[in-house]
């Protein structure tokens, strides 16, 4: 269980959104947190991948090479 105290202006916006959409505040908050986590996790993976590429531990393949390999039009 997570309990957070929001600044009044954010709480007011969340309440207004809930009233406008007919969805509870906690659904909006959960959706926002999930979107944020997805973004942060993607960023971390991209940074890790970039570091592996820069260090030579991984290699990159161009999209045109992938298309050619799989017989797809360019």
PDB file of N, CA and C in Angstrom:
ATOM      1  N   UNK A   1       0.841  -1.176   0.000  1.00  0.00           N
ATOM      2  CA  UNK A   1       0.000   0.000   0.000  1.00  0.00           C
ATOM      3  C   UNK A   1       0.882   1.233   0.000  1.00  0.00           C
ATOM      4  N   UNK A   2       0.556   2.156  -0.840  1.00  0.00           N
ATOM      5  CA  UNK A   2       1.307   3.407  -0.940  1.00  0.00           C
ATOM      6  C   UNK A   2       0.367   4.558  -0.642  1.00  0.00           C
ATOM      7  N   UNK A   3       0.776   5.421   0.239  1.00  0.00           N
ATOM      8  CA  UNK A   3      -0.004   6.622   0.525  1.00  0.00           C
ATOM      9  C   UNK A   3       0.904   7.816   0.285  1.00  0.00           C
ATOM     10  N   UNK A   4       0.423   8.759  -0.513  1.00  0.00           N
ATOM     11  CA  UNK A   4       1.220   9.961  -0.775  1.00  0.00           C
ATOM     12  C   UNK A   4       0.370  11.200  -0.532  1.00  0.00           C
ATOM     13  N   UNK A   5       1.046  12.237  -0.093  1.00  0.00           N
ATOM     14  CA  UNK A   5       0.372  13.518   0.088  1.00  0.00           C
ATOM     15  C   UNK A   5       0.734  14.370  -1.117  1.00  0.00           C
ATOM     16  N   UNK A   6      -0.282  14.759  -1.857  1.00  0.00           N
ATOM     17  CA  UNK A   6      -0.075  15.561  -3.053  1.00  0.00           C
ATOM     18  C   UNK A   6      -0.210  17.042  -2.723  1.00  0.00           C
ATOM     19  N   UNK A   7       0.542  17.877  -3.417  1.00  0.00           N
ATOM     20  CA  UNK A   7       0.318  19.318  -3.277  1.00  0.00           C
ATOM     21  C   UNK A   7      -1.127  19.645  -3.668  1.00  0.00           C
ATOM     22  N   UNK A   8      -1.677  20.680  -3.074  1.00  0.00           N
ATOM     23  CA  UNK A   8      -3.078  21.017  -3.287  1.00  0.00           C
ATOM     24  C   UNK A   8      -3.417  21.215  -4.755  1.00  0.00           C
ATOM     25  N   UNK A   9      -2.554  21.868  -5.512  1.00  0.00           N
ATOM     26  CA  UNK A   9      -2.874  22.117  -6.914  1.00  0.00           C
ATOM     27  C   UNK A   9      -2.975  20.815  -7.714  1.00  0.00           C
ATOM     28  N   UNK A  10      -2.137  19.853  -7.399  1.00  0.00           N
ATOM     29  CA  UNK A  10      -2.199  18.561  -8.095  1.00  0.00           C
ATOM     30  C   UNK A  10      -3.432  17.784  -7.655  1.00  0.00           C
ATOM     31  N   UNK A  11      -3.718  17.811  -6.365  1.00  0.00           N
ATOM     32  CA  UNK A  11      -4.920  17.161  -5.844  1.00  0.00           C
ATOM     33  C   UNK A  11      -6.172  17.746  -6.502  1.00  0.00           C
ATOM     34  N   UNK A  12      -6.194  19.072  -6.637  1.00  0.00           N
ATOM     35  CA  UNK A  12      -7.333  19.735  -7.282  1.00  0.00           C
ATOM     36  C   UNK A  12      -7.478  19.293  -8.743  1.00  0.00           C
ATOM     37  N   UNK A  13      -6.377  19.213  -9.447  1.00  0.00           N
ATOM     38  CA  UNK A  13      -6.415  18.771 -10.849  1.00  0.00           C
ATOM     39  C   UNK A  13      -6.899  17.333 -10.952  1.00  0.00           C
ATOM     40  N   UNK A  14      -6.418  16.495 -10.052  1.00  0.00           N
ATOM     41  CA  UNK A  14      -6.822  15.092 -10.054  1.00  0.00           C
ATOM     42  C   UNK A  14      -8.317  14.956  -9.747  1.00  0.00           C
ATOM     43  N   UNK A  15      -8.785  15.722  -8.798  1.00  0.00           N
ATOM     44  CA  UNK A  15     -10.219  15.701  -8.472  1.00  0.00           C
ATOM     45  C   UNK A  15     -11.060  16.186  -9.650  1.00  0.00           C
ATOM     46  N   UNK A  16     -10.610  17.227 -10.321  1.00  0.00           N
ATOM     47  CA  UNK A  16     -11.336  17.749 -11.482  1.00  0.00           C
ATOM     48  C   UNK A  16     -11.365  16.722 -12.605  1.00  0.00           C
ATOM     49  N   UNK A  17     -10.252  16.067 -12.824  1.00  0.00           N
ATOM     50  CA  UNK A  17     -10.184  15.033 -13.862  1.00  0.00           C
ATOM     51  C   UNK A  17     -11.115  13.876 -13.531  1.00  0.00           C
ATOM     52  N   UNK A  18     -11.122  13.463 -12.280  1.00  0.00           N
ATOM     53  CA  UNK A  18     -12.009  12.372 -11.850  1.00  0.00           C
ATOM     54  C   UNK A  18     -13.472  12.755 -12.061  1.00  0.00           C
ATOM     55  N   UNK A  19     -13.814  13.982 -11.727  1.00  0.00           N
ATOM     56  CA  UNK A  19     -15.196  14.436 -11.909  1.00  0.00           C
ATOM     57  C   UNK A  19     -15.554  14.492 -13.388  1.00  0.00           C
ATOM     58  N   UNK A  20     -14.629  14.948 -14.208  1.00  0.00           N
ATOM     59  CA  UNK A  20     -14.873  15.077 -15.650  1.00  0.00           C
ATOM     60  C   UNK A  20     -15.032  13.719 -16.331  1.00  0.00           C
ATOM     61  N   UNK A  21     -14.217  12.755 -15.912  1.00  0.00           N
ATOM     62  CA  UNK A  21     -14.201  11.446 -16.581  1.00  0.00           C
ATOM     63  C   UNK A  21     -15.120  10.423 -15.932  1.00  0.00           C
ATOM     64  N   UNK A  22     -15.507  10.666 -14.688  1.00  0.00           N
ATOM     65  CA  UNK A  22     -16.317   9.682 -13.978  1.00  0.00           C
ATOM     66  C   UNK A  22     -15.506   8.501 -13.476  1.00  0.00           C
ATOM     67  N   UNK A  23     -14.206   8.619 -13.534  1.00  0.00           N
ATOM     68  CA  UNK A  23     -13.314   7.568 -13.020  1.00  0.00           C
ATOM     69  C   UNK A  23     -12.713   8.030 -11.703  1.00  0.00           C
ATOM     70  N   UNK A  24     -12.490   7.102 -10.782  1.00  0.00           N
ATOM     71  CA  UNK A  24     -11.918   7.479  -9.481  1.00  0.00           C
ATOM     72  C   UNK A  24     -10.494   8.040  -9.612  1.00  0.00           C
ATOM     73  N   UNK A  25     -10.149   8.875  -8.647  1.00  0.00           N
ATOM     74  CA  UNK A  25      -8.805   9.468  -8.622  1.00  0.00           C
ATOM     75  C   UNK A  25      -7.731   8.396  -8.615  1.00  0.00           C
ATOM     76  N   UNK A  26      -7.949   7.309  -7.864  1.00  0.00           N
ATOM     77  CA  UNK A  26      -6.901   6.292  -7.763  1.00  0.00           C
ATOM     78  C   UNK A  26      -6.640   5.608  -9.103  1.00  0.00           C
ATOM     79  N   UNK A  27      -7.654   5.497  -9.959  1.00  0.00           N
ATOM     80  CA  UNK A  27      -7.421   4.921 -11.292  1.00  0.00           C
ATOM     81  C   UNK A  27      -6.525   5.824 -12.126  1.00  0.00           C
ATOM     82  N   UNK A  28      -6.777   7.123 -12.059  1.00  0.00           N
ATOM     83  CA  UNK A  28      -5.941   8.073 -12.797  1.00  0.00           C
ATOM     84  C   UNK A  28      -4.515   8.069 -12.254  1.00  0.00           C
ATOM     85  N   UNK A  29      -4.393   8.034 -10.940  1.00  0.00           N
ATOM     86  CA  UNK A  29      -3.067   8.025 -10.330  1.00  0.00           C
ATOM     87  C   UNK A  29      -2.312   6.752 -10.693  1.00  0.00           C
ATOM     88  N   UNK A  30      -2.989   5.619 -10.657  1.00  0.00           N
ATOM     89  CA  UNK A  30      -2.352   4.356 -11.013  1.00  0.00           C
ATOM     90  C   UNK A  30      -1.902   4.374 -12.468  1.00  0.00           C
ATOM     91  N   UNK A  31      -2.757   4.855 -13.353  1.00  0.00           N
ATOM     92  CA  UNK A  31      -2.404   4.924 -14.768  1.00  0.00           C
ATOM     93  C   UNK A  31      -1.181   5.823 -14.983  1.00  0.00           C
ATOM     94  N   UNK A  32      -1.155   6.953 -14.285  1.00  0.00           N
ATOM     95  CA  UNK A  32      -0.018   7.873 -14.407  1.00  0.00           C
ATOM     96  C   UNK A  32       1.267   7.224 -13.900  1.00  0.00           C
ATOM     97  N   UNK A  33       1.187   6.512 -12.794  1.00  0.00           N
ATOM     98  CA  UNK A  33       2.369   5.844 -12.237  1.00  0.00           C
ATOM     99  C   UNK A  33       2.856   4.752 -13.184  1.00  0.00           C
ATOM    100  N   UNK A  34       1.937   3.966 -13.735  1.00  0.00           N
ATOM    101  CA  UNK A  34       2.331   2.908 -14.672  1.00  0.00           C
ATOM    102  C   UNK A  34       2.984   3.482 -15.922  1.00  0.00           C
ATOM    103  N   UNK A  35       2.430   4.567 -16.458  1.00  0.00           N
ATOM    104  CA  UNK A  35       3.038   5.221 -17.623  1.00  0.00           C
ATOM    105  C   UNK A  35       4.444   5.716 -17.288  1.00  0.00           C
ATOM    106  N   UNK A  36       4.597   6.315 -16.116  1.00  0.00           N
ATOM    107  CA  UNK A  36       5.894   6.813 -15.679  1.00  0.00           C
ATOM    108  C   UNK A  36       6.899   5.667 -15.541  1.00  0.00           C
ATOM    109  N   UNK A  37       6.475   4.588 -14.896  1.00  0.00           N
ATOM    110  CA  UNK A  37       7.376   3.446 -14.731  1.00  0.00           C
ATOM    111  C   UNK A  37       7.793   2.874 -16.078  1.00  0.00           C
ATOM    112  N   UNK A  38       6.856   2.753 -17.012  1.00  0.00           N
ATOM    113  CA  UNK A  38       7.195   2.267 -18.359  1.00  0.00           C
ATOM    114  C   UNK A  38       8.248   3.162 -19.004  1.00  0.00           C
ATOM    115  N   UNK A  39       8.059   4.472 -18.901  1.00  0.00           N
ATOM    116  CA  UNK A  39       9.015   5.414 -19.495  1.00  0.00           C
ATOM    117  C   UNK A  39      10.396   5.291 -18.860  1.00  0.00           C
ATOM    118  N   UNK A  40      10.446   5.234 -17.552  1.00  0.00           N
ATOM    119  CA  UNK A  40      11.726   5.147 -16.849  1.00  0.00           C
ATOM    120  C   UNK A  40      12.415   3.822 -17.160  1.00  0.00           C
ATOM    121  N   UNK A  41      11.663   2.727 -17.158  1.00  0.00           N
ATOM    122  CA  UNK A  41      12.253   1.427 -17.471  1.00  0.00           C
ATOM    123  C   UNK A  41      12.797   1.422 -18.897  1.00  0.00           C
ATOM    124  N   UNK A  42      12.071   2.015 -19.844  1.00  0.00           N
ATOM    125  CA  UNK A  42      12.562   2.112 -21.223  1.00  0.00           C
ATOM    126  C   UNK A  42      13.847   2.926 -21.288  1.00  0.00           C
ATOM    127  N   UNK A  43      13.887   4.038 -20.546  1.00  0.00           N
ATOM    128  CA  UNK A  43      15.072   4.884 -20.540  1.00  0.00           C
ATOM    129  C   UNK A  43      16.280   4.135 -19.978  1.00  0.00           C
ATOM    130  N   UNK A  44      16.069   3.404 -18.887  1.00  0.00           N
ATOM    131  CA  UNK A  44      17.163   2.637 -18.282  1.00  0.00           C
ATOM    132  C   UNK A  44      17.670   1.571 -19.254  1.00  0.00           C
ATOM    133  N   UNK A  45      16.758   0.861 -19.909  1.00  0.00           N
ATOM    134  CA  UNK A  45      17.171  -0.145 -20.887  1.00  0.00           C
ATOM    135  C   UNK A  45      17.933   0.482 -22.041  1.00  0.00           C
ATOM    136  N   UNK A  46      17.476   1.640 -22.507  1.00  0.00           N
ATOM    137  CA  UNK A  46      18.169   2.332 -23.602  1.00  0.00           C
ATOM    138  C   UNK A  46      19.569   2.756 -23.172  1.00  0.00           C
ATOM    139  N   UNK A  47      19.703   3.250 -21.947  1.00  0.00           N
ATOM    140  CA  UNK A  47      21.020   3.651 -21.448  1.00  0.00           C
ATOM    141  C   UNK A  47      21.944   2.449 -21.319  1.00  0.00           C
ATOM    142  N   UNK A  48      21.404   1.323 -20.828  1.00  0.00           N
ATOM    143  CA  UNK A  48      22.212   0.114 -20.715  1.00  0.00           C
ATOM    144  C   UNK A  48      22.650  -0.378 -22.088  1.00  0.00           C
ATOM    145  N   UNK A  49      21.729  -0.366 -23.040  1.00  0.00           N
ATOM    146  CA  UNK A  49      22.035  -0.812 -24.404  1.00  0.00           C
ATOM    147  C   UNK A  49      23.082   0.095 -25.039  1.00  0.00           C
ATOM    148  N   UNK A  50      22.931   1.389 -24.839  1.00  0.00           N
ATOM    149  CA  UNK A  50      23.897   2.351 -25.375  1.00  0.00           C
ATOM    150  C   UNK A  50      25.284   2.111 -24.786  1.00  0.00           C
ATOM    151  N   UNK A  51      25.349   1.868 -23.493  1.00  0.00           N
ATOM    152  CA  UNK A  51      26.637   1.605 -22.839  1.00  0.00           C
ATOM    153  C   UNK A  51      27.270   0.328 -23.389  1.00  0.00           C
ATOM    154  N   UNK A  52      26.449  -0.705 -23.616  1.00  0.00           N
ATOM    155  CA  UNK A  52      26.973  -1.962 -24.178  1.00  0.00           C
ATOM    156  C   UNK A  52      27.476  -1.761 -25.600  1.00  0.00           C
ATOM    157  N   UNK A  53      26.774  -0.933 -26.371  1.00  0.00           N
ATOM    158  CA  UNK A  53      27.219  -0.641 -27.736  1.00  0.00           C
ATOM    159  C   UNK A  53      28.536   0.128 -27.720  1.00  0.00           C
ATOM    160  N   UNK A  54      28.614   1.138 -26.861  1.00  0.00           N
ATOM    161  CA  UNK A  54      29.826   1.953 -26.775  1.00  0.00           C
ATOM    162  C   UNK A  54      31.027   1.143 -26.301  1.00  0.00           C
ATOM    163  N   UNK A  55      30.793   0.173 -25.432  1.00  0.00           N
ATOM    164  CA  UNK A  55      31.892  -0.634 -24.895  1.00  0.00           C
ATOM    165  C   UNK A  55      32.293  -1.763 -25.832  1.00  0.00           C
ATOM    166  N   UNK A  56      31.494  -1.987 -26.879  1.00  0.00           N
ATOM    167  CA  UNK A  56      31.793  -3.059 -27.821  1.00  0.00           C
ATOM    168  C   UNK A  56      31.253  -4.412 -27.404  1.00  0.00           C
ATOM    169  N   UNK A  57      30.501  -4.472 -26.295  1.00  0.00           N
ATOM    170  CA  UNK A  57      29.923  -5.733 -25.830  1.00  0.00           C
ATOM    171  C   UNK A  57      28.750  -6.172 -26.699  1.00  0.00           C
ATOM    172  N   UNK A  58      28.103  -5.225 -27.370  1.00  0.00           N
ATOM    173  CA  UNK A  58      26.998  -5.508 -28.288  1.00  0.00           C
ATOM    174  C   UNK A  58      27.274  -4.822 -29.613  1.00  0.00           C
ATOM    175  N   UNK A  59      26.594  -5.259 -30.645  1.00  0.00           N
ATOM    176  CA  UNK A  59      26.682  -4.608 -31.947  1.00  0.00           C
ATOM    177  C   UNK A  59      25.285  -4.226 -32.403  1.00  0.00           C
ATOM    178  N   UNK A  60      25.240  -3.254 -33.288  1.00  0.00           N
ATOM    179  CA  UNK A  60      23.965  -2.779 -33.822  1.00  0.00           C
ATOM    180  C   UNK A  60      23.774  -3.321 -35.233  1.00  0.00           C
ATOM    181  N   UNK A  61      22.519  -3.470 -35.610  1.00  0.00           N
ATOM    182  CA  UNK A  61      22.171  -3.898 -36.963  1.00  0.00           C
ATOM    183  C   UNK A  61      21.219  -2.856 -37.527  1.00  0.00           C
ATOM    184  N   UNK A  62      21.482  -2.409 -38.753  1.00  0.00           N
ATOM    185  CA  UNK A  62      20.614  -1.395 -39.349  1.00  0.00           C
ATOM    186  C   UNK A  62      19.271  -1.999 -39.719  1.00  0.00           C
ATOM    187  N   UNK A  63      18.261  -1.139 -39.802  1.00  0.00           N
ATOM    188  CA  UNK A  63      16.935  -1.599 -40.176  1.00  0.00           C
ATOM    189  C   UNK A  63      16.941  -2.148 -41.597  1.00  0.00           C
ATOM    190  N   UNK A  64      17.719  -1.538 -42.484  1.00  0.00           N
ATOM    191  CA  UNK A  64      17.772  -2.037 -43.865  1.00  0.00           C
ATOM    192  C   UNK A  64      18.401  -3.430 -43.910  1.00  0.00           C
ATOM    193  N   UNK A  65      19.384  -3.695 -43.075  1.00  0.00           N
ATOM    194  CA  UNK A  65      19.986  -5.028 -43.024  1.00  0.00           C
ATOM    195  C   UNK A  65      18.981  -6.052 -42.501  1.00  0.00           C
ATOM    196  N   UNK A  66      18.190  -5.673 -41.504  1.00  0.00           N
ATOM    197  CA  UNK A  66      17.163  -6.569 -40.973  1.00  0.00           C
ATOM    198  C   UNK A  66      16.099  -6.876 -42.031  1.00  0.00           C
ATOM    199  N   UNK A  67      15.677  -5.837 -42.756  1.00  0.00           N
ATOM    200  CA  UNK A  67      14.682  -6.037 -43.812  1.00  0.00           C
ATOM    201  C   UNK A  67      15.225  -6.973 -44.888  1.00  0.00           C
ATOM    202  N   UNK A  68      16.460  -6.762 -45.279  1.00  0.00           N
ATOM    203  CA  UNK A  68      17.077  -7.611 -46.298  1.00  0.00           C
ATOM    204  C   UNK A  68      17.178  -9.055 -45.818  1.00  0.00           C
ATOM    205  N   UNK A  69      17.604  -9.228 -44.581  1.00  0.00           N
ATOM    206  CA  UNK A  69      17.763 -10.560 -44.001  1.00  0.00           C
ATOM    207  C   UNK A  69      16.435 -11.319 -43.972  1.00  0.00           C
ATOM    208  N   UNK A  70      15.352 -10.602 -43.761  1.00  0.00           N
ATOM    209  CA  UNK A  70      14.043 -11.245 -43.636  1.00  0.00           C
ATOM    210  C   UNK A  70      13.188 -11.117 -44.888  1.00  0.00           C
ATOM    211  N   UNK A  71      13.803 -10.665 -45.971  1.00  0.00           N
ATOM    212  CA  UNK A  71      13.098 -10.596 -47.247  1.00  0.00           C
ATOM    213  C   UNK A  71      11.987  -9.571 -47.295  1.00  0.00           C
ATOM    214  N   UNK A  72      12.137  -8.495 -46.586  1.00  0.00           N
ATOM    215  CA  UNK A  72      11.122  -7.457 -46.582  1.00  0.00           C
ATOM    216  C   UNK A  72      11.533  -6.323 -47.515  1.00  0.00           C
ATOM    217  N   UNK A  73      10.549  -5.670 -48.105  1.00  0.00           N
ATOM    218  CA  UNK A  73      10.844  -4.557 -49.009  1.00  0.00           C
ATOM    219  C   UNK A  73      11.479  -3.414 -48.235  1.00  0.00           C
ATOM    220  N   UNK A  74      12.352  -2.683 -48.897  1.00  0.00           N
ATOM    221  CA  UNK A  74      13.023  -1.543 -48.274  1.00  0.00           C
ATOM    222  C   UNK A  74      12.250  -0.283 -48.395  1.00  0.00           C
TER     223      UNK A  74
END
